[in-house]
């Protein structure tokens, strides 16, 4: 958000969202899934953290992720 909109908007969003955000614990199964997703990537610039986010989405059966990164929408279409 700070990159696409502004740092000020990102800070405001964080302060507002922090009241409602829920932390999801990581476990071995999520880490293995993140590795599997990462190892399947061929495109340059996809980080393991991107793949970890996808693994968390899949593991917890979440609807998606708030991101401007096009990588996530491509992965979501592969469901």
PDB file of N, CA and C in Angstrom:
ATOM      1  N   UNK A   1       0.825  -1.177   0.000  1.00  0.00           N
ATOM      2  CA  UNK A   1       0.000   0.000   0.000  1.00  0.00           C
ATOM      3  C   UNK A   1       0.880   1.257   0.000  1.00  0.00           C
ATOM      4  N   UNK A   2       1.959   1.217   0.748  1.00  0.00           N
ATOM      5  CA  UNK A   2       2.831   2.393   0.790  1.00  0.00           C
ATOM      6  C   UNK A   2       3.462   2.646  -0.577  1.00  0.00           C
ATOM      7  N   UNK A   3       3.683   1.575  -1.337  1.00  0.00           N
ATOM      8  CA  UNK A   3       4.287   1.695  -2.665  1.00  0.00           C
ATOM      9  C   UNK A   3       3.279   2.217  -3.685  1.00  0.00           C
ATOM     10  N   UNK A   4       2.057   1.705  -3.655  1.00  0.00           N
ATOM     11  CA  UNK A   4       1.041   2.059  -4.648  1.00  0.00           C
ATOM     12  C   UNK A   4       0.254   3.312  -4.300  1.00  0.00           C
ATOM     13  N   UNK A   5       0.033   3.560  -3.002  1.00  0.00           N
ATOM     14  CA  UNK A   5      -0.787   4.704  -2.595  1.00  0.00           C
ATOM     15  C   UNK A   5       0.103   5.747  -1.927  1.00  0.00           C
ATOM     16  N   UNK A   6       0.413   5.533  -0.660  1.00  0.00           N
ATOM     17  CA  UNK A   6       1.328   6.422   0.066  1.00  0.00           C
ATOM     18  C   UNK A   6       1.672   5.808   1.416  1.00  0.00           C
ATOM     19  N   UNK A   7       2.753   6.276   1.999  1.00  0.00           N
ATOM     20  CA  UNK A   7       3.164   5.799   3.323  1.00  0.00           C
ATOM     21  C   UNK A   7       2.124   6.207   4.361  1.00  0.00           C
ATOM     22  N   UNK A   8       1.595   7.397   4.203  1.00  0.00           N
ATOM     23  CA  UNK A   8       0.584   7.896   5.136  1.00  0.00           C
ATOM     24  C   UNK A   8      -0.661   7.000   5.112  1.00  0.00           C
ATOM     25  N   UNK A   9      -1.108   6.626   3.919  1.00  0.00           N
ATOM     26  CA  UNK A   9      -2.283   5.756   3.796  1.00  0.00           C
ATOM     27  C   UNK A   9      -1.994   4.380   4.399  1.00  0.00           C
ATOM     28  N   UNK A  10      -0.789   3.868   4.197  1.00  0.00           N
ATOM     29  CA  UNK A  10      -0.415   2.567   4.741  1.00  0.00           C
ATOM     30  C   UNK A  10      -0.413   2.595   6.269  1.00  0.00           C
ATOM     31  N   UNK A  11       0.094   3.655   6.853  1.00  0.00           N
ATOM     32  CA  UNK A  11       0.108   3.783   8.313  1.00  0.00           C
ATOM     33  C   UNK A  11      -1.304   3.866   8.868  1.00  0.00           C
ATOM     34  N   UNK A  12      -2.156   4.625   8.190  1.00  0.00           N
ATOM     35  CA  UNK A  12      -3.550   4.756   8.623  1.00  0.00           C
ATOM     36  C   UNK A  12      -4.254   3.404   8.547  1.00  0.00           C
ATOM     37  N   UNK A  13      -4.022   2.680   7.450  1.00  0.00           N
ATOM     38  CA  UNK A  13      -4.618   1.349   7.286  1.00  0.00           C
ATOM     39  C   UNK A  13      -4.156   0.418   8.404  1.00  0.00           C
ATOM     40  N   UNK A  14      -2.861   0.416   8.702  1.00  0.00           N
ATOM     41  CA  UNK A  14      -2.321  -0.458   9.742  1.00  0.00           C
ATOM     42  C   UNK A  14      -2.976  -0.178  11.085  1.00  0.00           C
ATOM     43  N   UNK A  15      -3.072   1.087  11.442  1.00  0.00           N
ATOM     44  CA  UNK A  15      -3.660   1.449  12.738  1.00  0.00           C
ATOM     45  C   UNK A  15      -5.112   0.984  12.823  1.00  0.00           C
ATOM     46  N   UNK A  16      -5.855   1.133  11.744  1.00  0.00           N
ATOM     47  CA  UNK A  16      -7.259   0.722  11.725  1.00  0.00           C
ATOM     48  C   UNK A  16      -7.388  -0.798  11.700  1.00  0.00           C
ATOM     49  N   UNK A  17      -6.621  -1.439  10.839  1.00  0.00           N
ATOM     50  CA  UNK A  17      -6.726  -2.883  10.657  1.00  0.00           C
ATOM     51  C   UNK A  17      -6.194  -3.663  11.854  1.00  0.00           C
ATOM     52  N   UNK A  18      -5.204  -3.144  12.539  1.00  0.00           N
ATOM     53  CA  UNK A  18      -4.578  -3.849  13.662  1.00  0.00           C
ATOM     54  C   UNK A  18      -5.620  -4.237  14.712  1.00  0.00           C
ATOM     55  N   UNK A  19      -6.676  -3.444  14.834  1.00  0.00           N
ATOM     56  CA  UNK A  19      -7.729  -3.735  15.809  1.00  0.00           C
ATOM     57  C   UNK A  19      -8.521  -4.993  15.420  1.00  0.00           C
ATOM     58  N   UNK A  20      -8.507  -5.342  14.129  1.00  0.00           N
ATOM     59  CA  UNK A  20      -9.332  -6.447  13.653  1.00  0.00           C
ATOM     60  C   UNK A  20      -8.531  -7.618  13.100  1.00  0.00           C
ATOM     61  N   UNK A  21      -7.232  -7.459  12.952  1.00  0.00           N
ATOM     62  CA  UNK A  21      -6.402  -8.517  12.388  1.00  0.00           C
ATOM     63  C   UNK A  21      -6.291  -9.702  13.342  1.00  0.00           C
ATOM     64  N   UNK A  22      -6.236 -10.880  12.770  1.00  0.00           N
ATOM     65  CA  UNK A  22      -6.092 -12.106  13.543  1.00  0.00           C
ATOM     66  C   UNK A  22      -4.793 -12.777  13.103  1.00  0.00           C
ATOM     67  N   UNK A  23      -3.993 -13.195  14.050  1.00  0.00           N
ATOM     68  CA  UNK A  23      -2.759 -13.902  13.725  1.00  0.00           C
ATOM     69  C   UNK A  23      -3.061 -15.379  13.529  1.00  0.00           C
ATOM     70  N   UNK A  24      -2.530 -15.932  12.454  1.00  0.00           N
ATOM     71  CA  UNK A  24      -2.703 -17.351  12.164  1.00  0.00           C
ATOM     72  C   UNK A  24      -1.373 -18.058  12.406  1.00  0.00           C
ATOM     73  N   UNK A  25      -1.363 -19.073  13.245  1.00  0.00           N
ATOM     74  CA  UNK A  25      -0.100 -19.757  13.531  1.00  0.00           C
ATOM     75  C   UNK A  25       0.393 -20.577  12.347  1.00  0.00           C
ATOM     76  N   UNK A  26       1.696 -20.678  12.228  1.00  0.00           N
ATOM     77  CA  UNK A  26       2.322 -21.501  11.194  1.00  0.00           C
ATOM     78  C   UNK A  26       2.665 -22.854  11.797  1.00  0.00           C
ATOM     79  N   UNK A  27       2.659 -23.870  10.960  1.00  0.00           N
ATOM     80  CA  UNK A  27       3.037 -25.198  11.422  1.00  0.00           C
ATOM     81  C   UNK A  27       3.838 -25.893  10.320  1.00  0.00           C
ATOM     82  N   UNK A  28       4.285 -27.092  10.592  1.00  0.00           N
ATOM     83  CA  UNK A  28       5.123 -27.839   9.648  1.00  0.00           C
ATOM     84  C   UNK A  28       4.418 -28.065   8.310  1.00  0.00           C
ATOM     85  N   UNK A  29       3.131 -28.372   8.356  1.00  0.00           N
ATOM     86  CA  UNK A  29       2.373 -28.624   7.127  1.00  0.00           C
ATOM     87  C   UNK A  29       2.348 -27.387   6.214  1.00  0.00           C
ATOM     88  N   UNK A  30       2.198 -26.220   6.805  1.00  0.00           N
ATOM     89  CA  UNK A  30       2.198 -24.976   6.029  1.00  0.00           C
ATOM     90  C   UNK A  30       3.569 -24.734   5.417  1.00  0.00           C
ATOM     91  N   UNK A  31       4.618 -24.982   6.185  1.00  0.00           N
ATOM     92  CA  UNK A  31       5.980 -24.777   5.684  1.00  0.00           C
ATOM     93  C   UNK A  31       6.286 -25.709   4.514  1.00  0.00           C
ATOM     94  N   UNK A  32       5.864 -26.961   4.615  1.00  0.00           N
ATOM     95  CA  UNK A  32       6.075 -27.927   3.534  1.00  0.00           C
ATOM     96  C   UNK A  32       5.312 -27.488   2.292  1.00  0.00           C
ATOM     97  N   UNK A  33       4.083 -27.011   2.477  1.00  0.00           N
ATOM     98  CA  UNK A  33       3.280 -26.527   1.358  1.00  0.00           C
ATOM     99  C   UNK A  33       3.927 -25.294   0.716  1.00  0.00           C
ATOM    100  N   UNK A  34       4.460 -24.399   1.535  1.00  0.00           N
ATOM    101  CA  UNK A  34       5.153 -23.216   1.012  1.00  0.00           C
ATOM    102  C   UNK A  34       6.355 -23.631   0.167  1.00  0.00           C
ATOM    103  N   UNK A  35       7.117 -24.591   0.648  1.00  0.00           N
ATOM    104  CA  UNK A  35       8.265 -25.099  -0.116  1.00  0.00           C
ATOM    105  C   UNK A  35       7.805 -25.680  -1.452  1.00  0.00           C
ATOM    106  N   UNK A  36       6.740 -26.475  -1.424  1.00  0.00           N
ATOM    107  CA  UNK A  36       6.221 -27.104  -2.636  1.00  0.00           C
ATOM    108  C   UNK A  36       5.788 -26.047  -3.656  1.00  0.00           C
ATOM    109  N   UNK A  37       5.086 -25.034  -3.198  1.00  0.00           N
ATOM    110  CA  UNK A  37       4.632 -23.954  -4.088  1.00  0.00           C
ATOM    111  C   UNK A  37       5.835 -23.205  -4.653  1.00  0.00           C
ATOM    112  N   UNK A  38       6.819 -22.912  -3.800  1.00  0.00           N
ATOM    113  CA  UNK A  38       8.013 -22.183  -4.234  1.00  0.00           C
ATOM    114  C   UNK A  38       8.801 -22.973  -5.277  1.00  0.00           C
ATOM    115  N   UNK A  39       8.991 -24.245  -5.022  1.00  0.00           N
ATOM    116  CA  UNK A  39       9.772 -25.078  -5.943  1.00  0.00           C
ATOM    117  C   UNK A  39       9.083 -25.256  -7.293  1.00  0.00           C
ATOM    118  N   UNK A  40       7.766 -25.045  -7.337  1.00  0.00           N
ATOM    119  CA  UNK A  40       7.015 -25.172  -8.589  1.00  0.00           C
ATOM    120  C   UNK A  40       7.065 -23.891  -9.440  1.00  0.00           C
ATOM    121  N   UNK A  41       7.632 -22.816  -8.883  1.00  0.00           N
ATOM    122  CA  UNK A  41       7.676 -21.535  -9.604  1.00  0.00           C
ATOM    123  C   UNK A  41       8.836 -21.508 -10.602  1.00  0.00           C
ATOM    124  N   UNK A  42       8.569 -20.931 -11.747  1.00  0.00           N
ATOM    125  CA  UNK A  42       9.605 -20.773 -12.766  1.00  0.00           C
ATOM    126  C   UNK A  42       9.890 -19.313 -13.074  1.00  0.00           C
ATOM    127  N   UNK A  43       8.996 -18.439 -12.661  1.00  0.00           N
ATOM    128  CA  UNK A  43       9.133 -17.015 -12.960  1.00  0.00           C
ATOM    129  C   UNK A  43      10.065 -16.343 -11.947  1.00  0.00           C
ATOM    130  N   UNK A  44      10.913 -15.477 -12.446  1.00  0.00           N
ATOM    131  CA  UNK A  44      11.851 -14.727 -11.609  1.00  0.00           C
ATOM    132  C   UNK A  44      11.087 -13.748 -10.712  1.00  0.00           C
ATOM    133  N   UNK A  45      11.568 -13.578  -9.492  1.00  0.00           N
ATOM    134  CA  UNK A  45      11.029 -12.556  -8.607  1.00  0.00           C
ATOM    135  C   UNK A  45       9.957 -13.023  -7.638  1.00  0.00           C
ATOM    136  N   UNK A  46       9.632 -14.309  -7.658  1.00  0.00           N
ATOM    137  CA  UNK A  46       8.639 -14.813  -6.712  1.00  0.00           C
ATOM    138  C   UNK A  46       9.387 -15.317  -5.486  1.00  0.00           C
ATOM    139  N   UNK A  47       9.105 -14.708  -4.351  1.00  0.00           N
ATOM    140  CA  UNK A  47       9.844 -15.050  -3.137  1.00  0.00           C
ATOM    141  C   UNK A  47       9.187 -16.211  -2.392  1.00  0.00           C
ATOM    142  N   UNK A  48       9.953 -16.796  -1.493  1.00  0.00           N
ATOM    143  CA  UNK A  48       9.418 -17.865  -0.663  1.00  0.00           C
ATOM    144  C   UNK A  48       8.306 -17.316   0.230  1.00  0.00           C
ATOM    145  N   UNK A  49       8.448 -16.060   0.657  1.00  0.00           N
ATOM    146  CA  UNK A  49       7.420 -15.431   1.497  1.00  0.00           C
ATOM    147  C   UNK A  49       6.110 -15.306   0.717  1.00  0.00           C
ATOM    148  N   UNK A  50       6.171 -14.959  -0.564  1.00  0.00           N
ATOM    149  CA  UNK A  50       4.963 -14.953  -1.401  1.00  0.00           C
ATOM    150  C   UNK A  50       4.299 -16.327  -1.357  1.00  0.00           C
ATOM    151  N   UNK A  51       5.108 -17.352  -1.484  1.00  0.00           N
ATOM    152  CA  UNK A  51       4.595 -18.723  -1.495  1.00  0.00           C
ATOM    153  C   UNK A  51       4.071 -19.130  -0.121  1.00  0.00           C
ATOM    154  N   UNK A  52       4.708 -18.642   0.934  1.00  0.00           N
ATOM    155  CA  UNK A  52       4.210 -18.897   2.288  1.00  0.00           C
ATOM    156  C   UNK A  52       2.824 -18.280   2.456  1.00  0.00           C
ATOM    157  N   UNK A  53       2.634 -17.074   1.956  1.00  0.00           N
ATOM    158  CA  UNK A  53       1.319 -16.432   2.025  1.00  0.00           C
ATOM    159  C   UNK A  53       0.264 -17.285   1.324  1.00  0.00           C
ATOM    160  N   UNK A  54       0.602 -17.810   0.164  1.00  0.00           N
ATOM    161  CA  UNK A  54      -0.329 -18.673  -0.581  1.00  0.00           C
ATOM    162  C   UNK A  54      -0.612 -19.946   0.220  1.00  0.00           C
ATOM    163  N   UNK A  55       0.415 -20.522   0.826  1.00  0.00           N
ATOM    164  CA  UNK A  55       0.234 -21.729   1.630  1.00  0.00           C
ATOM    165  C   UNK A  55      -0.718 -21.470   2.802  1.00  0.00           C
ATOM    166  N   UNK A  56      -0.578 -20.336   3.442  1.00  0.00           N
ATOM    167  CA  UNK A  56      -1.467 -19.981   4.555  1.00  0.00           C
ATOM    168  C   UNK A  56      -2.900 -19.828   4.053  1.00  0.00           C
ATOM    169  N   UNK A  57      -3.069 -19.173   2.909  1.00  0.00           N
ATOM    170  CA  UNK A  57      -4.401 -19.006   2.319  1.00  0.00           C
ATOM    171  C   UNK A  57      -5.028 -20.375   2.057  1.00  0.00           C
ATOM    172  N   UNK A  58      -4.258 -21.262   1.471  1.00  0.00           N
ATOM    173  CA  UNK A  58      -4.778 -22.594   1.136  1.00  0.00           C
ATOM    174  C   UNK A  58      -5.048 -23.425   2.398  1.00  0.00           C
ATOM    175  N   UNK A  59      -4.123 -23.416   3.337  1.00  0.00           N
ATOM    176  CA  UNK A  59      -4.252 -24.218   4.548  1.00  0.00           C
ATOM    177  C   UNK A  59      -5.483 -23.821   5.361  1.00  0.00           C
ATOM    178  N   UNK A  60      -5.674 -22.528   5.530  1.00  0.00           N
ATOM    179  CA  UNK A  60      -6.795 -22.040   6.331  1.00  0.00           C
ATOM    180  C   UNK A  60      -8.066 -21.803   5.504  1.00  0.00           C
ATOM    181  N   UNK A  61      -7.981 -22.116   4.192  1.00  0.00           N
ATOM    182  CA  UNK A  61      -9.122 -21.962   3.275  1.00  0.00           C
ATOM    183  C   UNK A  61      -9.680 -20.539   3.316  1.00  0.00           C
ATOM    184  N   UNK A  62      -8.763 -19.576   3.215  1.00  0.00           N
ATOM    185  CA  UNK A  62      -9.136 -18.160   3.212  1.00  0.00           C
ATOM    186  C   UNK A  62      -9.594 -17.749   1.819  1.00  0.00           C
ATOM    187  N   UNK A  63     -10.323 -16.672   1.742  1.00  0.00           N
ATOM    188  CA  UNK A  63     -10.839 -16.193   0.458  1.00  0.00           C
ATOM    189  C   UNK A  63      -9.750 -15.566  -0.412  1.00  0.00           C
ATOM    190  N   UNK A  64      -8.706 -15.060   0.191  1.00  0.00           N
ATOM    191  CA  UNK A  64      -7.649 -14.423  -0.581  1.00  0.00           C
ATOM    192  C   UNK A  64      -6.738 -13.604   0.307  1.00  0.00           C
ATOM    193  N   UNK A  65      -6.058 -12.664  -0.319  1.00  0.00           N
ATOM    194  CA  UNK A  65      -5.087 -11.821   0.382  1.00  0.00           C
ATOM    195  C   UNK A  65      -5.211 -10.401  -0.139  1.00  0.00           C
ATOM    196  N   UNK A  66      -5.012  -9.427   0.738  1.00  0.00           N
ATOM    197  CA  UNK A  66      -5.014  -8.029   0.337  1.00  0.00           C
ATOM    198  C   UNK A  66      -3.613  -7.693  -0.161  1.00  0.00           C
ATOM    199  N   UNK A  67      -3.485  -7.540  -1.472  1.00  0.00           N
ATOM    200  CA  UNK A  67      -2.175  -7.284  -2.071  1.00  0.00           C
ATOM    201  C   UNK A  67      -2.339  -6.659  -3.446  1.00  0.00           C
ATOM    202  N   UNK A  68      -1.369  -5.870  -3.834  1.00  0.00           N
ATOM    203  CA  UNK A  68      -1.332  -5.325  -5.187  1.00  0.00           C
ATOM    204  C   UNK A  68      -0.503  -6.238  -6.099  1.00  0.00           C
ATOM    205  N   UNK A  69       0.077  -7.280  -5.545  1.00  0.00           N
ATOM    206  CA  UNK A  69       0.933  -8.202  -6.285  1.00  0.00           C
ATOM    207  C   UNK A  69       0.083  -9.122  -7.156  1.00  0.00           C
ATOM    208  N   UNK A  70       0.331  -9.149  -8.446  1.00  0.00           N
ATOM    209  CA  UNK A  70      -0.446  -9.962  -9.384  1.00  0.00           C
ATOM    210  C   UNK A  70      -0.209 -11.456  -9.197  1.00  0.00           C
ATOM    211  N   UNK A  71       0.884 -11.817  -8.545  1.00  0.00           N
ATOM    212  CA  UNK A  71       1.205 -13.216  -8.298  1.00  0.00           C
ATOM    213  C   UNK A  71       0.060 -13.934  -7.585  1.00  0.00           C
ATOM    214  N   UNK A  72      -0.524 -13.287  -6.593  1.00  0.00           N
ATOM    215  CA  UNK A  72      -1.563 -13.934  -5.804  1.00  0.00           C
ATOM    216  C   UNK A  72      -2.826 -14.228  -6.608  1.00  0.00           C
ATOM    217  N   UNK A  73      -3.213 -13.318  -7.477  1.00  0.00           N
ATOM    218  CA  UNK A  73      -4.414 -13.556  -8.288  1.00  0.00           C
ATOM    219  C   UNK A  73      -4.184 -14.705  -9.256  1.00  0.00           C
ATOM    220  N   UNK A  74      -2.969 -14.858  -9.757  1.00  0.00           N
ATOM    221  CA  UNK A  74      -2.657 -15.970 -10.657  1.00  0.00           C
ATOM    222  C   UNK A  74      -2.734 -17.302  -9.922  1.00  0.00           C
ATOM    223  N   UNK A  75      -2.237 -17.345  -8.698  1.00  0.00           N
ATOM    224  CA  UNK A  75      -2.275 -18.568  -7.903  1.00  0.00           C
ATOM    225  C   UNK A  75      -3.709 -18.906  -7.532  1.00  0.00           C
ATOM    226  N   UNK A  76      -4.501 -17.910  -7.192  1.00  0.00           N
ATOM    227  CA  UNK A  76      -5.894 -18.135  -6.795  1.00  0.00           C
ATOM    228  C   UNK A  76      -6.685 -18.765  -7.943  1.00  0.00           C
ATOM    229  N   UNK A  77      -6.385 -18.405  -9.176  1.00  0.00           N
ATOM    230  CA  UNK A  77      -7.090 -18.954 -10.329  1.00  0.00           C
ATOM    231  C   UNK A  77      -6.786 -20.435 -10.520  1.00  0.00           C
ATOM    232  N   UNK A  78      -5.663 -20.899  -9.965  1.00  0.00           N
ATOM    233  CA  UNK A  78      -5.243 -22.302 -10.115  1.00  0.00           C
ATOM    234  C   UNK A  78      -5.924 -23.228  -9.113  1.00  0.00           C
ATOM    235  N   UNK A  79      -6.770 -22.726  -8.249  1.00  0.00           N
ATOM    236  CA  UNK A  79      -7.405 -23.534  -7.200  1.00  0.00           C
ATOM    237  C   UNK A  79      -8.055 -24.770  -7.756  1.00  0.00           C
TER     238      UNK A  79
END
